[in-house]
Protein backbone atom coordinates (compact mmCIF):
# COMPACT_ATOMS: atom_id res chain seq x y z
CA VAL A 1 89.62 115.89 108.02
CA GLY A 2 89.41 113.24 105.31
CA GLN A 3 90.48 115.76 102.64
CA ALA A 4 93.39 116.92 104.77
CA LEU A 5 94.60 113.35 105.19
CA LEU A 6 94.29 112.77 101.45
CA LYS A 7 96.42 115.86 100.74
CA LEU A 8 99.06 114.60 103.13
CA GLU A 9 99.04 111.19 101.46
CA LEU A 10 99.57 112.79 98.05
CA LEU A 11 102.35 114.93 99.46
CA LEU A 12 104.13 111.86 100.80
CA THR A 13 103.83 109.83 97.66
CA SER A 14 104.99 112.72 95.48
CA ASN A 15 108.47 112.58 97.17
CA THR A 16 108.38 116.35 97.71
CA ALA A 17 111.87 117.39 98.82
CA ASN A 18 111.07 120.80 100.35
CA VAL A 19 108.96 119.51 103.24
CA ASP A 20 110.61 119.45 106.66
CA TRP A 21 109.41 115.91 107.60
CA GLN A 22 111.74 115.83 110.63
CA ARG A 23 109.80 118.72 112.09
CA TRP A 24 106.28 117.70 111.27
CA LEU A 25 106.09 113.96 110.96
CA GLY A 26 105.72 113.24 114.69
CA GLN A 27 102.63 115.42 114.78
CA LEU A 28 101.29 113.78 111.66
CA VAL A 29 101.72 110.29 113.16
CA THR A 30 99.96 111.38 116.32
CA ALA A 31 97.12 112.86 114.30
CA CYS A 32 96.73 109.67 112.27
CA ILE A 33 96.83 107.45 115.34
CA ASP A 34 94.02 109.60 116.84
CA LYS A 35 91.93 108.91 113.75
CA VAL A 36 92.58 105.16 113.50
CA ASN A 37 89.38 104.43 115.47
CA SER A 38 87.30 107.18 113.88
CA PRO A 39 83.62 106.29 113.43
CA SER A 40 84.02 107.56 109.84
CA LEU A 41 85.16 104.71 107.67
CA LYS A 42 86.70 107.14 105.15
CA ILE A 43 88.73 108.97 107.74
CA ARG A 44 89.80 105.75 109.50
CA ASP A 45 90.93 104.12 106.22
CA ARG A 46 92.82 107.29 105.14
CA ALA A 47 94.59 107.57 108.50
CA VAL A 48 95.66 103.89 108.44
CA ALA A 49 96.82 104.16 104.85
CA LEU A 50 98.77 107.31 105.60
CA LEU A 51 100.70 105.60 108.39
CA GLY A 52 101.84 102.99 105.83
CA HIS A 53 102.85 105.70 103.38
CA MET A 54 104.86 107.50 106.04
CA ALA A 55 106.66 104.31 106.94
CA ALA A 56 107.61 103.74 103.28
CA ALA A 57 108.49 107.34 102.44
CA GLN A 58 110.13 108.54 105.69
CA PRO A 59 111.26 105.42 107.60
CA LEU A 60 114.00 107.16 109.62
CA VAL A 61 111.74 109.89 110.94
CA MET A 62 108.85 107.44 111.40
CA SER A 63 110.97 105.10 113.53
CA ASN A 64 110.37 107.24 116.64
CA SER A 65 106.78 106.04 116.61
CA LEU A 66 107.27 102.42 115.50
CA GLU A 67 105.99 100.59 118.59
CA VAL A 68 102.85 102.64 119.12
CA VAL A 69 101.99 102.49 115.37
CA VAL A 70 102.35 98.68 115.36
CA GLN A 71 100.21 98.35 118.45
CA ARG A 72 97.45 100.58 117.27
CA LEU A 73 97.27 98.97 113.83
CA LEU A 74 97.22 95.47 115.30
CA ASP A 75 94.42 96.50 117.67
CA LEU A 76 92.28 96.98 114.58
CA TYR A 77 92.25 93.21 114.09
CA ARG A 78 89.98 92.91 117.13
CA GLN A 79 87.21 94.56 115.08
CA ARG A 80 87.11 91.98 112.22
CA SER A 81 86.12 94.70 109.79
CA THR A 82 87.27 93.50 106.35
CA ASP A 83 87.53 96.96 104.77
CA VAL A 84 89.89 98.45 107.37
CA LEU A 85 91.89 95.27 107.84
CA HIS A 86 92.88 95.27 104.14
CA VAL A 87 94.34 98.78 104.56
CA ALA A 88 95.88 97.88 107.95
CA ASP A 89 97.58 94.84 106.41
CA GLU A 90 99.22 96.97 103.73
CA SER A 91 100.34 99.61 106.29
CA LEU A 92 101.78 97.00 108.72
CA HIS A 93 103.73 95.36 105.87
CA ALA A 94 105.10 98.78 104.97
CA VAL A 95 106.30 99.22 108.54
CA MET A 96 107.86 95.72 108.67
CA GLN A 97 109.61 96.18 105.31
CA ASN A 98 111.03 99.62 105.89
CA LEU A 99 111.65 100.25 109.58
CA ASP A 100 114.37 98.79 111.81
CA PRO A 101 113.95 94.97 111.77
CA SER A 102 115.21 94.49 115.34
CA ARG A 103 112.61 96.85 116.76
CA CYS A 104 109.88 95.46 114.49
CA PHE A 105 110.73 91.96 115.76
CA ALA A 106 110.74 93.12 119.40
CA SER A 107 107.33 94.71 119.05
CA LEU A 108 105.87 91.60 117.39
CA GLU A 109 107.58 89.24 119.84
CA GLN A 110 105.73 90.90 122.73
CA VAL A 111 102.40 90.54 120.93
CA ILE A 112 103.09 86.90 120.10
CA ALA A 113 103.88 86.23 123.73
CA THR A 114 100.79 87.86 125.19
CA GLN A 115 97.91 88.00 122.67
CA GLU A 116 95.40 85.53 121.24
CA GLY A 117 92.90 85.46 118.38
CA PRO A 118 93.13 87.64 115.24
CA VAL A 119 95.79 89.94 116.75
CA LEU A 120 98.12 87.00 117.42
CA CYS A 121 97.44 85.50 113.98
CA GLN A 122 98.36 88.77 112.22
CA ALA A 123 101.53 89.14 114.36
CA LEU A 124 102.60 85.64 113.35
CA LYS A 125 102.13 86.54 109.67
CA LEU A 126 104.06 89.75 110.03
CA VAL A 127 107.04 88.30 111.90
CA ARG A 128 107.82 86.19 108.88
CA VAL A 129 108.44 89.36 106.96
CA VAL A 130 110.90 90.51 109.58
CA PHE A 131 112.81 87.16 109.80
CA SER A 132 114.44 87.64 106.41
CA ARG A 133 115.55 91.18 107.27
CA MET A 134 117.30 90.26 110.53
CA PRO A 135 120.99 89.29 110.75
CA SER A 136 121.28 85.51 111.11
CA ARG A 137 123.03 85.75 114.43
CA GLU A 138 120.38 87.97 115.90
CA LEU A 139 117.62 85.74 114.62
CA LEU A 140 119.30 82.69 116.14
CA ASP A 141 119.71 84.46 119.47
CA SER A 142 115.98 85.18 119.54
CA LEU A 143 114.97 81.55 119.12
CA PRO A 144 115.20 80.44 122.80
CA ARG A 145 112.56 83.06 123.55
CA LEU A 146 110.43 82.72 120.45
CA VAL A 147 110.26 79.02 119.68
CA PRO A 148 108.67 77.84 122.97
CA ARG A 149 105.81 80.26 122.31
CA LEU A 150 105.56 79.11 118.71
CA THR A 151 105.22 75.48 119.87
CA VAL A 152 102.20 76.62 121.92
CA THR A 153 100.58 78.51 119.03
CA PHE A 154 101.25 75.56 116.69
CA ALA A 155 98.89 73.53 118.96
CA SER A 156 96.21 76.22 119.03
CA SER A 157 92.55 75.24 118.49
CA ASP A 158 92.39 78.02 115.96
CA ALA A 159 93.31 76.67 112.47
CA SER A 160 94.45 80.07 111.16
CA ILE A 161 96.90 80.43 114.10
CA ARG A 162 98.21 76.91 113.52
CA ARG A 163 98.70 77.68 109.83
CA ALA A 164 100.44 80.98 110.49
CA THR A 165 102.75 79.29 112.99
CA MET A 166 103.59 76.49 110.57
CA TYR A 167 104.71 79.04 108.04
CA CYS A 168 106.92 80.67 110.69
CA PHE A 169 108.68 77.33 111.22
CA VAL A 170 109.04 76.86 107.44
CA GLU A 171 110.60 80.35 107.10
CA LEU A 172 112.95 79.79 110.04
CA HIS A 173 114.06 76.44 108.72
CA GLU A 174 114.68 77.85 105.24
CA LEU A 175 116.63 80.83 106.56
CA LEU A 176 118.73 79.08 109.14
CA GLY A 177 119.10 75.51 107.77
CA ASP A 178 120.94 73.11 110.09
CA ASN A 179 121.22 75.80 112.78
CA PHE A 180 117.50 75.46 113.26
CA ALA A 181 117.57 71.72 113.72
CA PRO A 182 117.67 71.71 117.56
CA TYR A 183 114.47 73.77 117.61
CA SER A 184 112.72 71.57 115.05
CA ASN A 185 113.12 68.79 117.57
CA MET A 186 110.84 70.68 119.93
CA LEU A 187 107.95 69.87 117.58
CA SER A 188 105.87 66.74 117.56
CA LYS A 189 106.48 64.15 114.85
CA MET A 190 103.28 65.19 113.02
CA GLN A 191 104.24 68.90 113.19
CA ARG A 192 107.73 68.20 111.85
CA LYS A 193 106.21 66.18 109.00
CA LEU A 194 103.90 69.05 108.13
CA VAL A 195 106.77 71.56 108.09
CA THR A 196 108.85 69.21 105.89
CA ILE A 197 105.94 68.86 103.42
CA TYR A 198 105.66 72.61 103.01
CA LEU A 199 109.45 73.00 102.76
CA GLU A 200 109.50 70.46 99.96
CA ARG A 201 106.58 72.16 98.27
CA ARG A 202 108.28 75.47 98.40
CA GLU A 203 111.48 73.98 96.96
CA THR A 204 109.50 72.46 94.08
CA GLN A 205 107.95 75.79 93.27
CA LYS A 206 111.32 77.55 92.92
């Protein structure tokens, strides 16, 4: 199985034109998803990596499976296995960078609204990737749903979740400017000060 997955990965990254991906990709995605929790580390890592390669190489065909792929890859963060999480992070970023940003946002929004712990933390990191790909109007329209939840995660007892949330506010403020001001006011004075410090730091680094 591992060798078969490796051959598929090489085929995808070689940009072979004579493969009917429209016909076979759905089955390949299903096969990879089935192996995401394989007891074999080699097979699991190869399946996770292949999902990322498919997202980058065949995003239009891959889009049919977007939500289930995101969910299954995020579920890996419950395991806290460093090896597989490195590969999962790369594959999830490939999905967020290449597939439809509105659907990526919707899938992450649901996770942010319902999950806790490492899964929530990773979703918060990923949603920042999607922010910059969304039309400004659509991003603004999402804020009444998203920001109240972010104010909760900003007060989390988990420092990694607080930090990931803070960077979400920094990104939103930078992308939307004055349009984001009403939502900044939902933060405490200390939280606004922290966001401002990181905004100024980012501006200095440019």
